PDB file of N, CA and C in Angstrom:
ATOM      1  N   UNK A   1      14.133   5.730   6.330  1.00  0.00           N
ATOM      2  CA  UNK A   1      13.163   4.850   5.713  1.00  0.00           C
ATOM      3  C   UNK A   1      11.904   5.549   7.008  1.00  0.00           C
ATOM      4  N   UNK A   2      10.891   5.430   6.057  1.00  0.00           N
ATOM      5  CA  UNK A   2       9.591   5.844   6.841  1.00  0.00           C
ATOM      6  C   UNK A   2       8.039   4.874   6.748  1.00  0.00           C
ATOM      7  N   UNK A   3       8.127   4.826   7.768  1.00  0.00           N
ATOM      8  CA  UNK A   3       6.743   4.000   7.968  1.00  0.00           C
ATOM      9  C   UNK A   3       5.070   4.564   8.418  1.00  0.00           C
ATOM     10  N   UNK A   4       4.308   4.103   8.741  1.00  0.00           N
ATOM     11  CA  UNK A   4       3.234   4.702   8.910  1.00  0.00           C
ATOM     12  C   UNK A   4       2.104   3.316   8.735  1.00  0.00           C
ATOM     13  N   UNK A   5       1.807   3.259  10.364  1.00  0.00           N
ATOM     14  CA  UNK A   5       0.681   2.370  10.608  1.00  0.00           C
ATOM     15  C   UNK A   5      -0.435   2.844  10.532  1.00  0.00           C
ATOM     16  N   UNK A   6      -1.292   1.954   9.658  1.00  0.00           N
ATOM     17  CA  UNK A   6      -2.622   2.431   9.519  1.00  0.00           C
ATOM     18  C   UNK A   6      -3.920   1.500   8.926  1.00  0.00           C
ATOM     19  N   UNK A   7      -5.207   1.554   9.388  1.00  0.00           N
ATOM     20  CA  UNK A   7      -6.245   0.805   8.658  1.00  0.00           C
ATOM     21  C   UNK A   7      -7.082   1.764   7.633  1.00  0.00           C
ATOM     22  N   UNK A   8      -6.762  -0.028   6.904  1.00  0.00           N
ATOM     23  CA  UNK A   8      -7.474  -0.003   5.308  1.00  0.00           C
ATOM     24  C   UNK A   8      -8.870   0.575   5.456  1.00  0.00           C
ATOM     25  N   UNK A   9      -9.007   1.318   4.773  1.00  0.00           N
ATOM     26  CA  UNK A   9     -10.593   1.204   4.498  1.00  0.00           C
ATOM     27  C   UNK A   9     -11.107   0.647   2.756  1.00  0.00           C
ATOM     28  N   UNK A  10     -10.837  -1.061   2.556  1.00  0.00           N
ATOM     29  CA  UNK A  10     -11.150  -0.755   0.796  1.00  0.00           C
ATOM     30  C   UNK A  10     -12.819  -1.577   0.984  1.00  0.00           C
ATOM     31  N   UNK A  11     -13.451  -1.441   0.107  1.00  0.00           N
ATOM     32  CA  UNK A  11     -15.068  -1.945   0.517  1.00  0.00           C
ATOM     33  C   UNK A  11     -14.501  -3.455   0.283  1.00  0.00           C
ATOM     34  N   UNK A  12     -15.373  -4.163   1.019  1.00  0.00           N
ATOM     35  CA  UNK A  12     -15.393  -5.665   0.964  1.00  0.00           C
ATOM     36  C   UNK A  12     -15.826  -6.635   0.122  1.00  0.00           C
ATOM     37  N   UNK A  13     -14.778  -7.399  -0.099  1.00  0.00           N
ATOM     38  CA  UNK A  13     -14.732  -8.006  -1.256  1.00  0.00           C
ATOM     39  C   UNK A  13     -13.721  -7.276  -2.984  1.00  0.00           C
ATOM     40  N   UNK A  14     -13.559  -6.049  -2.460  1.00  0.00           N
ATOM     41  CA  UNK A  14     -12.809  -5.205  -3.559  1.00  0.00           C
ATOM     42  C   UNK A  14     -12.092  -5.696  -4.685  1.00  0.00           C
ATOM     43  N   UNK A  15     -12.836  -5.710  -5.379  1.00  0.00           N
ATOM     44  CA  UNK A  15     -11.976  -6.187  -7.078  1.00  0.00           C
ATOM     45  C   UNK A  15     -10.704  -6.108  -6.847  1.00  0.00           C
ATOM     46  N   UNK A  16      -9.733  -6.385  -8.524  1.00  0.00           N
ATOM     47  CA  UNK A  16      -8.650  -5.552  -8.321  1.00  0.00           C
ATOM     48  C   UNK A  16      -8.649  -4.162  -8.706  1.00  0.00           C
ATOM     49  N   UNK A  17      -9.551  -3.377  -9.367  1.00  0.00           N
ATOM     50  CA  UNK A  17      -8.630  -1.922  -9.420  1.00  0.00           C
ATOM     51  C   UNK A  17      -8.655  -1.422  -8.237  1.00  0.00           C
ATOM     52  N   UNK A  18      -8.870  -1.440  -6.879  1.00  0.00           N
ATOM     53  CA  UNK A  18      -8.160  -0.990  -6.403  1.00  0.00           C
ATOM     54  C   UNK A  18      -6.937  -1.077  -6.081  1.00  0.00           C
ATOM     55  N   UNK A  19      -6.279  -2.432  -5.934  1.00  0.00           N
ATOM     56  CA  UNK A  19      -4.800  -2.800  -5.779  1.00  0.00           C
ATOM     57  C   UNK A  19      -4.068  -2.070  -7.448  1.00  0.00           C
ATOM     58  N   UNK A  20      -4.913  -2.051  -8.185  1.00  0.00           N
ATOM     59  CA  UNK A  20      -3.607  -1.696  -9.519  1.00  0.00           C
ATOM     60  C   UNK A  20      -3.890  -0.313  -9.412  1.00  0.00           C
ATOM     61  N   UNK A  21      -4.841   0.449  -8.800  1.00  0.00           N
ATOM     62  CA  UNK A  21      -4.641   2.040  -8.825  1.00  0.00           C
ATOM     63  C   UNK A  21      -3.128   2.155  -7.619  1.00  0.00           C
ATOM     64  N   UNK A  22      -2.965   1.564  -6.643  1.00  0.00           N
ATOM     65  CA  UNK A  22      -2.524   1.351  -5.495  1.00  0.00           C
ATOM     66  C   UNK A  22      -0.824   0.852  -5.801  1.00  0.00           C
ATOM     67  N   UNK A  23      -0.927  -0.032  -6.666  1.00  0.00           N
ATOM     68  CA  UNK A  23       0.320  -0.127  -7.524  1.00  0.00           C
ATOM     69  C   UNK A  23       0.584   1.239  -8.256  1.00  0.00           C
ATOM     70  N   UNK A  24       0.204   1.416  -9.156  1.00  0.00           N
ATOM     71  CA  UNK A  24       0.323   2.715 -10.058  1.00  0.00           C
ATOM     72  C   UNK A  24       0.977   4.032  -9.530  1.00  0.00           C
ATOM     73  N   UNK A  25       0.191   4.070  -8.051  1.00  0.00           N
ATOM     74  CA  UNK A  25       0.473   4.900  -7.114  1.00  0.00           C
ATOM     75  C   UNK A  25       2.220   4.745  -6.488  1.00  0.00           C
ATOM     76  N   UNK A  26       2.201   3.520  -6.449  1.00  0.00           N
ATOM     77  CA  UNK A  26       3.506   3.451  -5.538  1.00  0.00           C
ATOM     78  C   UNK A  26       4.029   3.270  -6.850  1.00  0.00           C
ATOM     79  N   UNK A  27       4.366   3.176  -7.920  1.00  0.00           N
ATOM     80  CA  UNK A  27       5.411   2.838  -8.829  1.00  0.00           C
ATOM     81  C   UNK A  27       5.693   4.760  -9.563  1.00  0.00           C
ATOM     82  N   UNK A  28       5.108   5.252  -8.768  1.00  0.00           N
ATOM     83  CA  UNK A  28       5.376   6.846  -9.722  1.00  0.00           C
ATOM     84  C   UNK A  28       6.138   7.370  -8.410  1.00  0.00           C
ATOM     85  N   UNK A  29       6.940   6.429  -7.793  1.00  0.00           N
ATOM     86  CA  UNK A  29       8.159   6.982  -6.638  1.00  0.00           C
ATOM     87  C   UNK A  29       8.964   6.238  -6.618  1.00  0.00           C
ATOM     88  N   UNK A  30       9.933   6.886  -6.877  1.00  0.00           N
ATOM     89  CA  UNK A  30      11.917   6.481  -6.887  1.00  0.00           C
ATOM     90  C   UNK A  30      12.402   5.150  -6.344  1.00  0.00           C
ATOM     91  N   UNK A  31      11.042   5.693  -4.572  1.00  0.00           N
ATOM     92  CA  UNK A  31      11.733   5.033  -3.431  1.00  0.00           C
ATOM     93  C   UNK A  31      10.925   3.418  -3.212  1.00  0.00           C
ATOM     94  N   UNK A  32      11.821   3.041  -2.849  1.00  0.00           N
ATOM     95  CA  UNK A  32      11.208   1.407  -2.707  1.00  0.00           C
ATOM     96  C   UNK A  32      10.155   1.664  -1.752  1.00  0.00           C
ATOM     97  N   UNK A  33       8.976   0.544  -2.095  1.00  0.00           N
ATOM     98  CA  UNK A  33       7.408   1.045  -1.473  1.00  0.00           C
ATOM     99  C   UNK A  33       7.304  -0.156  -0.802  1.00  0.00           C
ATOM    100  N   UNK A  34       7.025  -0.634   0.429  1.00  0.00           N
ATOM    101  CA  UNK A  34       6.806  -1.898   0.968  1.00  0.00           C
ATOM    102  C   UNK A  34       5.179  -1.906   1.495  1.00  0.00           C
ATOM    103  N   UNK A  35       3.604  -2.530   1.527  1.00  0.00           N
ATOM    104  CA  UNK A  35       2.952  -2.827   2.344  1.00  0.00           C
ATOM    105  C   UNK A  35       2.992  -4.097   3.177  1.00  0.00           C
ATOM    106  N   UNK A  36       3.124  -3.721   4.528  1.00  0.00           N
ATOM    107  CA  UNK A  36       3.306  -4.776   5.115  1.00  0.00           C
ATOM    108  C   UNK A  36       1.775  -5.405   5.909  1.00  0.00           C
ATOM    109  N   UNK A  37       2.200  -6.924   6.115  1.00  0.00           N
ATOM    110  CA  UNK A  37       0.406  -7.330   6.977  1.00  0.00           C
ATOM    111  C   UNK A  37       0.659  -8.420   7.539  1.00  0.00           C
ATOM    112  N   UNK A  38       0.750  -8.127   9.315  1.00  0.00           N
ATOM    113  CA  UNK A  38       1.620  -9.538  10.052  1.00  0.00           C
ATOM    114  C   UNK A  38       2.740  -9.850   9.546  1.00  0.00           C
ATOM    115  N   UNK A  39       2.785 -11.070   9.004  1.00  0.00           N
ATOM    116  CA  UNK A  39       4.534 -11.543   8.917  1.00  0.00           C
ATOM    117  C   UNK A  39       4.930 -11.223   7.153  1.00  0.00           C
ATOM    118  N   UNK A  40       3.807 -10.742   6.618  1.00  0.00           N
ATOM    119  CA  UNK A  40       3.886 -10.855   5.139  1.00  0.00           C
ATOM    120  C   UNK A  40       4.643  -9.030   4.747  1.00  0.00           C
ATOM    121  N   UNK A  41       4.999  -9.093   4.304  1.00  0.00           N
ATOM    122  CA  UNK A  41       5.981  -7.340   3.142  1.00  0.00           C
ATOM    123  C   UNK A  41       5.860  -7.541   2.098  1.00  0.00           C
ATOM    124  N   UNK A  42       5.144  -6.764   1.279  1.00  0.00           N
ATOM    125  CA  UNK A  42       5.397  -6.857  -0.415  1.00  0.00           C
ATOM    126  C   UNK A  42       5.875  -5.471  -0.528  1.00  0.00           C
ATOM    127  N   UNK A  43       6.277  -5.750  -1.634  1.00  0.00           N
ATOM    128  CA  UNK A  43       6.801  -4.667  -2.814  1.00  0.00           C
ATOM    129  C   UNK A  43       5.417  -4.549  -3.278  1.00  0.00           C
ATOM    130  N   UNK A  44       5.381  -2.907  -2.951  1.00  0.00           N
ATOM    131  CA  UNK A  44       3.561  -2.117  -3.009  1.00  0.00           C
ATOM    132  C   UNK A  44       3.633  -1.977  -4.885  1.00  0.00           C
ATOM    133  N   UNK A  45       5.122  -1.991  -5.910  1.00  0.00           N
ATOM    134  CA  UNK A  45       5.094  -2.030  -6.665  1.00  0.00           C
ATOM    135  C   UNK A  45       4.617  -3.202  -8.072  1.00  0.00           C
ATOM    136  N   UNK A  46       4.443  -4.227  -6.883  1.00  0.00           N
ATOM    137  CA  UNK A  46       4.623  -6.019  -7.828  1.00  0.00           C
ATOM    138  C   UNK A  46       2.720  -5.734  -7.418  1.00  0.00           C
ATOM    139  N   UNK A  47       2.003  -6.253  -8.822  1.00  0.00           N
ATOM    140  CA  UNK A  47       0.348  -6.458  -8.799  1.00  0.00           C
ATOM    141  C   UNK A  47       0.433  -7.787  -8.106  1.00  0.00           C
ATOM    142  N   UNK A  48       0.889  -8.573  -8.596  1.00  0.00           N
ATOM    143  CA  UNK A  48       0.982 -10.066  -7.714  1.00  0.00           C
ATOM    144  C   UNK A  48       1.446 -10.354  -6.786  1.00  0.00           C
ATOM    145  N   UNK A  49       2.142  -9.303  -6.381  1.00  0.00           N
ATOM    146  CA  UNK A  49       2.928  -9.601  -4.576  1.00  0.00           C
ATOM    147  C   UNK A  49       1.214  -8.696  -3.510  1.00  0.00           C
ATOM    148  N   UNK A  50       0.920  -7.307  -4.690  1.00  0.00           N
ATOM    149  CA  UNK A  50      -0.302  -6.724  -3.816  1.00  0.00           C
ATOM    150  C   UNK A  50      -1.505  -7.983  -3.830  1.00  0.00           C
ATOM    151  N   UNK A  51      -2.002  -8.096  -4.816  1.00  0.00           N
ATOM    152  CA  UNK A  51      -3.142  -9.482  -5.395  1.00  0.00           C
ATOM    153  C   UNK A  51      -3.106 -10.403  -3.829  1.00  0.00           C
ATOM    154  N   UNK A  52      -2.101 -10.637  -4.020  1.00  0.00           N
ATOM    155  CA  UNK A  52      -1.934 -12.037  -3.016  1.00  0.00           C
ATOM    156  C   UNK A  52      -1.879 -11.830  -1.949  1.00  0.00           C
ATOM    157  N   UNK A  53      -1.569  -9.764  -1.209  1.00  0.00           N
ATOM    158  CA  UNK A  53      -2.017  -9.924   0.226  1.00  0.00           C
ATOM    159  C   UNK A  53      -2.928  -9.873   0.727  1.00  0.00           C
ATOM    160  N   UNK A  54      -4.115  -9.520  -0.234  1.00  0.00           N
ATOM    161  CA  UNK A  54      -5.508 -10.058   0.105  1.00  0.00           C
ATOM    162  C   UNK A  54      -5.970  -8.725   0.908  1.00  0.00           C
ATOM    163  N   UNK A  55      -5.996  -6.986   1.114  1.00  0.00           N
ATOM    164  CA  UNK A  55      -6.377  -6.591   1.695  1.00  0.00           C
ATOM    165  C   UNK A  55      -7.142  -6.082   2.030  1.00  0.00           C
ATOM    166  N   UNK A  56      -7.617  -6.500   3.592  1.00  0.00           N
ATOM    167  CA  UNK A  56      -9.391  -6.626   3.949  1.00  0.00           C
ATOM    168  C   UNK A  56      -9.556  -5.346   4.671  1.00  0.00           C
ATOM    169  N   UNK A  57     -11.053  -4.904   4.661  1.00  0.00           N
ATOM    170  CA  UNK A  57     -11.693  -3.732   5.231  1.00  0.00           C
ATOM    171  C   UNK A  57     -11.276  -3.734   7.077  1.00  0.00           C
ATOM    172  N   UNK A  58     -10.461  -2.717   7.253  1.00  0.00           N
ATOM    173  CA  UNK A  58      -9.786  -2.054   8.216  1.00  0.00           C
ATOM    174  C   UNK A  58      -8.859  -2.802   9.101  1.00  0.00           C
ATOM    175  N   UNK A  59      -8.065  -3.460   8.116  1.00  0.00           N
ATOM    176  CA  UNK A  59      -7.353  -4.813   8.559  1.00  0.00           C
ATOM    177  C   UNK A  59      -5.564  -3.516   8.410  1.00  0.00           C
ATOM    178  N   UNK A  60      -5.091  -3.920   9.718  1.00  0.00           N
ATOM    179  CA  UNK A  60      -3.292  -2.912   9.958  1.00  0.00           C
ATOM    180  C   UNK A  60      -2.713  -3.289   9.296  1.00  0.00           C
ATOM    181  N   UNK A  61      -2.536  -2.387   8.686  1.00  0.00           N
ATOM    182  CA  UNK A  61      -0.830  -2.554   7.503  1.00  0.00           C
ATOM    183  C   UNK A  61       0.022  -1.650   7.594  1.00  0.00           C
ATOM    184  N   UNK A  62       1.325  -1.607   7.667  1.00  0.00           N
ATOM    185  CA  UNK A  62       2.354  -0.561   7.776  1.00  0.00           C
ATOM    186  C   UNK A  62       2.801  -0.568   6.329  1.00  0.00           C
ATOM    187  N   UNK A  63       2.278   0.848   5.982  1.00  0.00           N
ATOM    188  CA  UNK A  63       2.765   1.475   4.520  1.00  0.00           C
ATOM    189  C   UNK A  63       4.172   1.835   5.171  1.00  0.00           C
ATOM    190  N   UNK A  64       5.568   1.212   4.288  1.00  0.00           N
ATOM    191  CA  UNK A  64       6.749   1.974   4.438  1.00  0.00           C
ATOM    192  C   UNK A  64       7.803   2.196   2.803  1.00  0.00           C
ATOM    193  N   UNK A  65       8.541   3.049   3.203  1.00  0.00           N
ATOM    194  CA  UNK A  65       8.881   3.260   1.620  1.00  0.00           C
ATOM    195  C   UNK A  65      10.516   4.027   2.157  1.00  0.00           C
ATOM    196  N   UNK A  66      11.243   3.552   1.595  1.00  0.00           N
ATOM    197  CA  UNK A  66      12.678   3.893   1.308  1.00  0.00           C
ATOM    198  C   UNK A  66      13.561   4.978   0.048  1.00  0.00           C
ATOM    199  N   UNK A  67      14.017   5.502   0.607  1.00  0.00           N
ATOM    200  CA  UNK A  67      15.086   6.191  -0.809  1.00  0.00           C
ATOM    201  C   UNK A  67      14.540   7.942  -0.920  1.00  0.00           C
ATOM    202  N   UNK A  68      14.992   8.514  -1.922  1.00  0.00           N
ATOM    203  CA  UNK A  68      14.866   9.653  -1.994  1.00  0.00           C
ATOM    204  C   UNK A  68      13.385  10.793  -1.842  1.00  0.00           C
ATOM    205  N   UNK A  69      12.173   9.627  -2.201  1.00  0.00           N
ATOM    206  CA  UNK A  69      10.759  11.041  -1.884  1.00  0.00           C
ATOM    207  C   UNK A  69       9.922   9.491  -0.906  1.00  0.00           C
ATOM    208  N   UNK A  70      10.525   9.187   0.053  1.00  0.00           N
ATOM    209  CA  UNK A  70      10.025   8.024   0.420  1.00  0.00           C
ATOM    210  C   UNK A  70       9.069   8.712   1.652  1.00  0.00           C
ATOM    211  N   UNK A  71       9.159   9.845   2.566  1.00  0.00           N
ATOM    212  CA  UNK A  71       8.282  10.792   2.453  1.00  0.00           C
ATOM    213  C   UNK A  71       6.516  10.901   1.930  1.00  0.00           C
ATOM    214  N   UNK A  72       7.097  11.340   0.687  1.00  0.00           N
ATOM    215  CA  UNK A  72       5.977  11.476  -0.119  1.00  0.00           C
ATOM    216  C   UNK A  72       5.430  10.466  -0.548  1.00  0.00           C
ATOM    217  N   UNK A  73       5.584   9.234  -0.461  1.00  0.00           N
ATOM    218  CA  UNK A  73       5.824   7.850  -1.034  1.00  0.00           C
ATOM    219  C   UNK A  73       3.959   7.527  -0.156  1.00  0.00           C
ATOM    220  N   UNK A  74       5.264   7.456   1.093  1.00  0.00           N
ATOM    221  CA  UNK A  74       4.176   6.775   2.008  1.00  0.00           C
ATOM    222  C   UNK A  74       2.988   7.858   2.668  1.00  0.00           C
ATOM    223  N   UNK A  75       2.708   9.346   2.475  1.00  0.00           N
ATOM    224  CA  UNK A  75       2.047  10.148   2.310  1.00  0.00           C
ATOM    225  C   UNK A  75       0.867   9.488   1.592  1.00  0.00           C
ATOM    226  N   UNK A  76       0.966   9.396   0.162  1.00  0.00           N
ATOM    227  CA  UNK A  76       0.455   9.664  -0.505  1.00  0.00           C
ATOM    228  C   UNK A  76      -0.101   7.998  -0.586  1.00  0.00           C
ATOM    229  N   UNK A  77       0.503   7.186  -0.748  1.00  0.00           N
ATOM    230  CA  UNK A  77      -0.541   5.409   0.122  1.00  0.00           C
ATOM    231  C   UNK A  77      -1.148   5.948   0.642  1.00  0.00           C
ATOM    232  N   UNK A  78      -1.060   6.220   1.834  1.00  0.00           N
ATOM    233  CA  UNK A  78      -1.318   5.919   3.151  1.00  0.00           C
ATOM    234  C   UNK A  78      -2.858   6.612   2.960  1.00  0.00           C
ATOM    235  N   UNK A  79      -2.747   8.268   2.522  1.00  0.00           N
ATOM    236  CA  UNK A  79      -4.486   8.893   2.502  1.00  0.00           C
ATOM    237  C   UNK A  79      -4.914   7.941   1.273  1.00  0.00           C
ATOM    238  N   UNK A  80      -4.640   7.725   0.148  1.00  0.00           N
ATOM    239  CA  UNK A  80      -5.219   6.420  -0.686  1.00  0.00           C
ATOM    240  C   UNK A  80      -6.003   5.250  -0.320  1.00  0.00           C
ATOM    241  N   UNK A  81      -5.220   4.417   0.740  1.00  0.00           N
ATOM    242  CA  UNK A  81      -5.596   3.498   1.310  1.00  0.00           C
ATOM    243  C   UNK A  81      -6.916   4.003   2.625  1.00  0.00           C
ATOM    244  N   UNK A  82      -6.838   5.252   2.801  1.00  0.00           N
ATOM    245  CA  UNK A  82      -7.538   5.546   3.702  1.00  0.00           C
ATOM    246  C   UNK A  82      -8.922   5.620   3.524  1.00  0.00           C
ATOM    247  N   UNK A  83      -8.850   5.992   2.318  1.00  0.00           N
ATOM    248  CA  UNK A  83      -9.754   7.098   1.439  1.00  0.00           C
ATOM    249  C   UNK A  83     -10.710   6.152   0.463  1.00  0.00           C
ATOM    250  N   UNK A  84      -9.521   4.901  -0.200  1.00  0.00           N
ATOM    251  CA  UNK A  84     -10.403   3.986  -1.235  1.00  0.00           C
ATOM    252  C   UNK A  84     -11.252   3.222  -1.358  1.00  0.00           C
ATOM    253  N   UNK A  85     -11.941   3.527  -0.075  1.00  0.00           N
ATOM    254  CA  UNK A  85     -13.837   2.564   0.415  1.00  0.00           C
ATOM    255  C   UNK A  85     -14.265   3.220  -0.262  1.00  0.00           C
TER     256      UNK A  85
END
């Protein structure tokens, strides 16, 4: 399992689009991919789960993945979350 802690760079009150793009990106990987905020750990491939997480600007999250392409998955999602604003 690979994980990385980052600060999210999303515009304040972001609409669903950034979350939808995040889910699409996560779904491209075979690995299980998760975003954790506080005590909530959500499957990054679940649009409903990710919407319920309500990511905010500068929020600290942990991006983790487990599987054959785990490193690529974490790097791709970290890059997106840092530059989506």
